[in-house]
Amino acid sequence: MNWDDFPSLNIARNYSSFFVYNNNYLYVFFGYNQNRGYLDSIERIDLKEPKAFEMVKYRNPKGLELKLNSMGACFANSEEVYLLGGSEREKYTDQILKYNFKQDTFFKTDFTIPSMHQNEYYRFWEESLF
């Protein structure tokens, strides 16, 4: 399969975070859409049978601000990913969130990105566009 063979996302987005979970699913977290603005939606596609992206219904029990873009994503453990930094409506953040794939739930961690001279370094980005 080539990258070009993937179907389009349900919502076009820039500055999204991507993560491959368990070698089965490609997740696309949040981002920015020219018409809708900052997004708090997640989509995923089955990598073994990539017919279409599906919207992921998730839980946010603490009411965290999730209209984020330009975040980093890294492995936490076999069931979770860390989402690092990013931008909340043009305001950079040093927060680190955790997403649990089994529970489809977001959690705030007690960790933050260490201070840097300019908080623009919290923005993990290169343009990502579908």
C-alpha atoms as a PDB file:
ATOM      1  CA  MET A   1       0.000   0.000   0.000  1.00  0.00           C
ATOM      2  CA  ASN A   2       1.228   3.477  -0.836  1.00  0.00           C
ATOM      3  CA  TRP A   3       0.436   6.628   1.109  1.00  0.00           C
ATOM      4  CA  ASP A   4      -1.498   7.861  -1.955  1.00  0.00           C
ATOM      5  CA  ASP A   5      -3.917   4.950  -1.566  1.00  0.00           C
ATOM      6  CA  PHE A   6      -5.387   6.299   1.675  1.00  0.00           C
ATOM      7  CA  PRO A   7      -8.903   7.689   1.491  1.00  0.00           C
ATOM      8  CA  SER A   8      -9.566  11.294   2.508  1.00  0.00           C
ATOM      9  CA  LEU A   9     -10.225  12.246   6.095  1.00  0.00           C
ATOM     10  CA  ASN A  10     -13.793  13.104   7.075  1.00  0.00           C
ATOM     11  CA  ILE A  11     -12.597  16.591   8.043  1.00  0.00           C
ATOM     12  CA  ALA A  12      -9.670  18.167   6.197  1.00  0.00           C
ATOM     13  CA  ARG A  13      -7.066  19.324   8.712  1.00  0.00           C
ATOM     14  CA  ASN A  14      -3.623  20.890   8.998  1.00  0.00           C
ATOM     15  CA  TYR A  15      -1.166  20.718  11.911  1.00  0.00           C
ATOM     16  CA  SER A  16      -2.514  17.404  13.183  1.00  0.00           C
ATOM     17  CA  SER A  17      -0.728  14.804  15.274  1.00  0.00           C
ATOM     18  CA  PHE A  18      -0.445  11.267  13.958  1.00  0.00           C
ATOM     19  CA  PHE A  19       0.160   8.028  15.810  1.00  0.00           C
ATOM     20  CA  VAL A  20       0.161   4.379  14.744  1.00  0.00           C
ATOM     21  CA  TYR A  21      -1.409   2.268  17.476  1.00  0.00           C
ATOM     22  CA  ASN A  22      -0.532  -1.408  17.800  1.00  0.00           C
ATOM     23  CA  ASN A  23       0.470  -1.545  14.108  1.00  0.00           C
ATOM     24  CA  ASN A  24      -3.268  -1.705  13.351  1.00  0.00           C
ATOM     25  CA  TYR A  25      -4.618   1.850  13.293  1.00  0.00           C
ATOM     26  CA  LEU A  26      -3.393   5.232  12.184  1.00  0.00           C
ATOM     27  CA  TYR A  27      -4.878   7.909  14.472  1.00  0.00           C
ATOM     28  CA  VAL A  28      -5.124  11.575  13.480  1.00  0.00           C
ATOM     29  CA  PHE A  29      -5.531  13.892  16.475  1.00  0.00           C
ATOM     30  CA  PHE A  30      -7.045  17.388  16.334  1.00  0.00           C
ATOM     31  CA  GLY A  31      -5.560  20.074  14.072  1.00  0.00           C
ATOM     32  CA  TYR A  32      -6.916  23.070  12.248  1.00  0.00           C
ATOM     33  CA  ASN A  33      -9.493  23.360   9.465  1.00  0.00           C
ATOM     34  CA  GLN A  34      -9.771  26.541   7.415  1.00  0.00           C
ATOM     35  CA  ASN A  35     -13.590  26.600   7.651  1.00  0.00           C
ATOM     36  CA  ARG A  36     -14.164  25.067  11.094  1.00  0.00           C
ATOM     37  CA  GLY A  37     -11.183  26.497  12.957  1.00  0.00           C
ATOM     38  CA  TYR A  38      -9.422  24.539  15.699  1.00  0.00           C
ATOM     39  CA  LEU A  39     -10.552  20.934  15.896  1.00  0.00           C
ATOM     40  CA  ASP A  40     -11.120  18.632  18.846  1.00  0.00           C
ATOM     41  CA  SER A  41     -11.931  15.592  16.723  1.00  0.00           C
ATOM     42  CA  ILE A  42     -10.029  12.361  16.182  1.00  0.00           C
ATOM     43  CA  GLU A  43     -10.113  10.078  13.167  1.00  0.00           C
ATOM     44  CA  ARG A  44      -8.569   6.689  12.600  1.00  0.00           C
ATOM     45  CA  ILE A  45      -8.132   4.187   9.812  1.00  0.00           C
ATOM     46  CA  ASP A  46      -7.543   0.444   9.933  1.00  0.00           C
ATOM     47  CA  LEU A  47      -4.141  -0.086   8.324  1.00  0.00           C
ATOM     48  CA  LYS A  48      -4.899  -3.670   7.351  1.00  0.00           C
ATOM     49  CA  GLU A  49      -8.070  -2.724   5.454  1.00  0.00           C
ATOM     50  CA  PRO A  50      -7.913   1.035   4.861  1.00  0.00           C
ATOM     51  CA  LYS A  51     -11.386   1.560   3.399  1.00  0.00           C
ATOM     52  CA  ALA A  52     -12.262   4.811   5.156  1.00  0.00           C
ATOM     53  CA  PHE A  53     -11.328   7.011   8.068  1.00  0.00           C
ATOM     54  CA  GLU A  54     -13.781   6.809  10.949  1.00  0.00           C
ATOM     55  CA  MET A  55     -14.509   9.399  13.603  1.00  0.00           C
ATOM     56  CA  VAL A  56     -13.449   8.305  17.095  1.00  0.00           C
ATOM     57  CA  LYS A  57     -15.832   8.988  19.948  1.00  0.00           C
ATOM     58  CA  TYR A  58     -13.767   9.686  23.031  1.00  0.00           C
ATOM     59  CA  ARG A  59     -14.341  10.633  26.647  1.00  0.00           C
ATOM     60  CA  ASN A  60     -13.006  13.768  28.271  1.00  0.00           C
ATOM     61  CA  PRO A  61     -14.148  13.408  31.917  1.00  0.00           C
ATOM     62  CA  LYS A  62     -12.105  16.377  33.219  1.00  0.00           C
ATOM     63  CA  GLY A  63     -13.282  18.780  30.512  1.00  0.00           C
ATOM     64  CA  LEU A  64      -9.769  19.372  29.172  1.00  0.00           C
ATOM     65  CA  GLU A  65      -9.295  21.920  26.382  1.00  0.00           C
ATOM     66  CA  LEU A  66      -8.779  19.713  23.335  1.00  0.00           C
ATOM     67  CA  LYS A  67      -9.045  22.169  20.432  1.00  0.00           C
ATOM     68  CA  LEU A  68      -5.334  21.732  19.851  1.00  0.00           C
ATOM     69  CA  ASN A  69      -2.921  21.672  16.962  1.00  0.00           C
ATOM     70  CA  SER A  70       0.784  21.159  16.330  1.00  0.00           C
ATOM     71  CA  MET A  71       1.252  18.643  19.138  1.00  0.00           C
ATOM     72  CA  GLY A  72       3.898  15.979  19.407  1.00  0.00           C
ATOM     73  CA  ALA A  73       2.822  12.375  19.909  1.00  0.00           C
ATOM     74  CA  CYS A  74       4.945   9.657  21.491  1.00  0.00           C
ATOM     75  CA  PHE A  75       4.546   6.162  22.855  1.00  0.00           C
ATOM     76  CA  ALA A  76       3.604   5.956  26.548  1.00  0.00           C
ATOM     77  CA  ASN A  77       2.858   2.227  26.877  1.00  0.00           C
ATOM     78  CA  SER A  78       0.972  -0.520  25.020  1.00  0.00           C
ATOM     79  CA  GLU A  79      -2.398   1.181  25.637  1.00  0.00           C
ATOM     80  CA  GLU A  80      -1.566   4.907  25.718  1.00  0.00           C
ATOM     81  CA  VAL A  81       0.058   7.771  23.846  1.00  0.00           C
ATOM     82  CA  TYR A  82       1.380  11.066  25.189  1.00  0.00           C
ATOM     83  CA  LEU A  83       0.315  14.221  23.344  1.00  0.00           C
ATOM     84  CA  LEU A  84       2.867  16.935  23.999  1.00  0.00           C
ATOM     85  CA  GLY A  85       2.506  20.696  23.909  1.00  0.00           C
ATOM     86  CA  GLY A  86       0.926  22.289  20.910  1.00  0.00           C
ATOM     87  CA  SER A  87      -1.243  25.310  20.539  1.00  0.00           C
ATOM     88  CA  GLU A  88      -4.637  26.146  22.021  1.00  0.00           C
ATOM     89  CA  ARG A  89      -6.153  28.838  19.804  1.00  0.00           C
ATOM     90  CA  GLU A  90      -2.821  30.570  19.133  1.00  0.00           C
ATOM     91  CA  LYS A  91      -1.636  30.165  22.747  1.00  0.00           C
ATOM     92  CA  TYR A  92       1.181  27.662  23.191  1.00  0.00           C
ATOM     93  CA  THR A  93       0.945  25.129  25.982  1.00  0.00           C
ATOM     94  CA  ASP A  94       3.487  23.078  27.916  1.00  0.00           C
ATOM     95  CA  GLN A  95       0.935  20.464  28.969  1.00  0.00           C
ATOM     96  CA  ILE A  96       1.291  16.753  28.352  1.00  0.00           C
ATOM     97  CA  LEU A  97      -1.923  14.803  27.885  1.00  0.00           C
ATOM     98  CA  LYS A  98      -2.370  11.057  27.826  1.00  0.00           C
ATOM     99  CA  TYR A  99      -4.865   9.230  25.594  1.00  0.00           C
ATOM    100  CA  ASN A 100      -5.917   5.675  26.445  1.00  0.00           C
ATOM    101  CA  PHE A 101      -6.855   3.687  23.325  1.00  0.00           C
ATOM    102  CA  LYS A 102      -8.688   0.928  25.225  1.00  0.00           C
ATOM    103  CA  GLN A 103     -10.906   3.391  27.130  1.00  0.00           C
ATOM    104  CA  ASP A 104     -10.977   6.102  24.421  1.00  0.00           C
ATOM    105  CA  THR A 105     -10.330   8.591  27.217  1.00  0.00           C
ATOM    106  CA  PHE A 106      -8.104  11.634  27.747  1.00  0.00           C
ATOM    107  CA  PHE A 107      -6.208  12.275  30.952  1.00  0.00           C
ATOM    108  CA  LYS A 108      -4.113  15.238  32.065  1.00  0.00           C
ATOM    109  CA  THR A 109      -0.698  14.229  33.334  1.00  0.00           C
ATOM    110  CA  ASP A 110       1.270  15.917  36.095  1.00  0.00           C
ATOM    111  CA  PHE A 111       4.101  16.409  33.605  1.00  0.00           C
ATOM    112  CA  THR A 112       4.858  19.516  31.601  1.00  0.00           C
ATOM    113  CA  ILE A 113       7.449  20.327  28.983  1.00  0.00           C
ATOM    114  CA  PRO A 114      10.463  21.918  30.705  1.00  0.00           C
ATOM    115  CA  SER A 115      10.789  25.684  30.335  1.00  0.00           C
ATOM    116  CA  MET A 116      12.514  26.962  27.245  1.00  0.00           C
ATOM    117  CA  HIS A 117      13.585  30.429  26.180  1.00  0.00           C
ATOM    118  CA  GLN A 118      10.689  30.849  23.762  1.00  0.00           C
ATOM    119  CA  ASN A 119       7.520  28.855  24.177  1.00  0.00           C
ATOM    120  CA  GLU A 120       7.217  28.461  20.409  1.00  0.00           C
ATOM    121  CA  TYR A 121       9.455  25.428  20.902  1.00  0.00           C
ATOM    122  CA  TYR A 122       6.422  23.712  22.437  1.00  0.00           C
ATOM    123  CA  ARG A 123       4.904  23.666  18.981  1.00  0.00           C
ATOM    124  CA  PHE A 124       5.853  20.360  17.364  1.00  0.00           C
ATOM    125  CA  TRP A 125       5.025  21.094  13.789  1.00  0.00           C
ATOM    126  CA  GLU A 126       5.561  20.724  10.185  1.00  0.00           C
ATOM    127  CA  GLU A 127       2.542  21.287   8.046  1.00  0.00           C
ATOM    128  CA  SER A 128       0.443  18.152   7.757  1.00  0.00           C
ATOM    129  CA  LEU A 129      -2.356  18.375   5.235  1.00  0.00           C
ATOM    130  CA  PHE A 130      -4.720  15.856   3.687  1.00  0.00           C
END
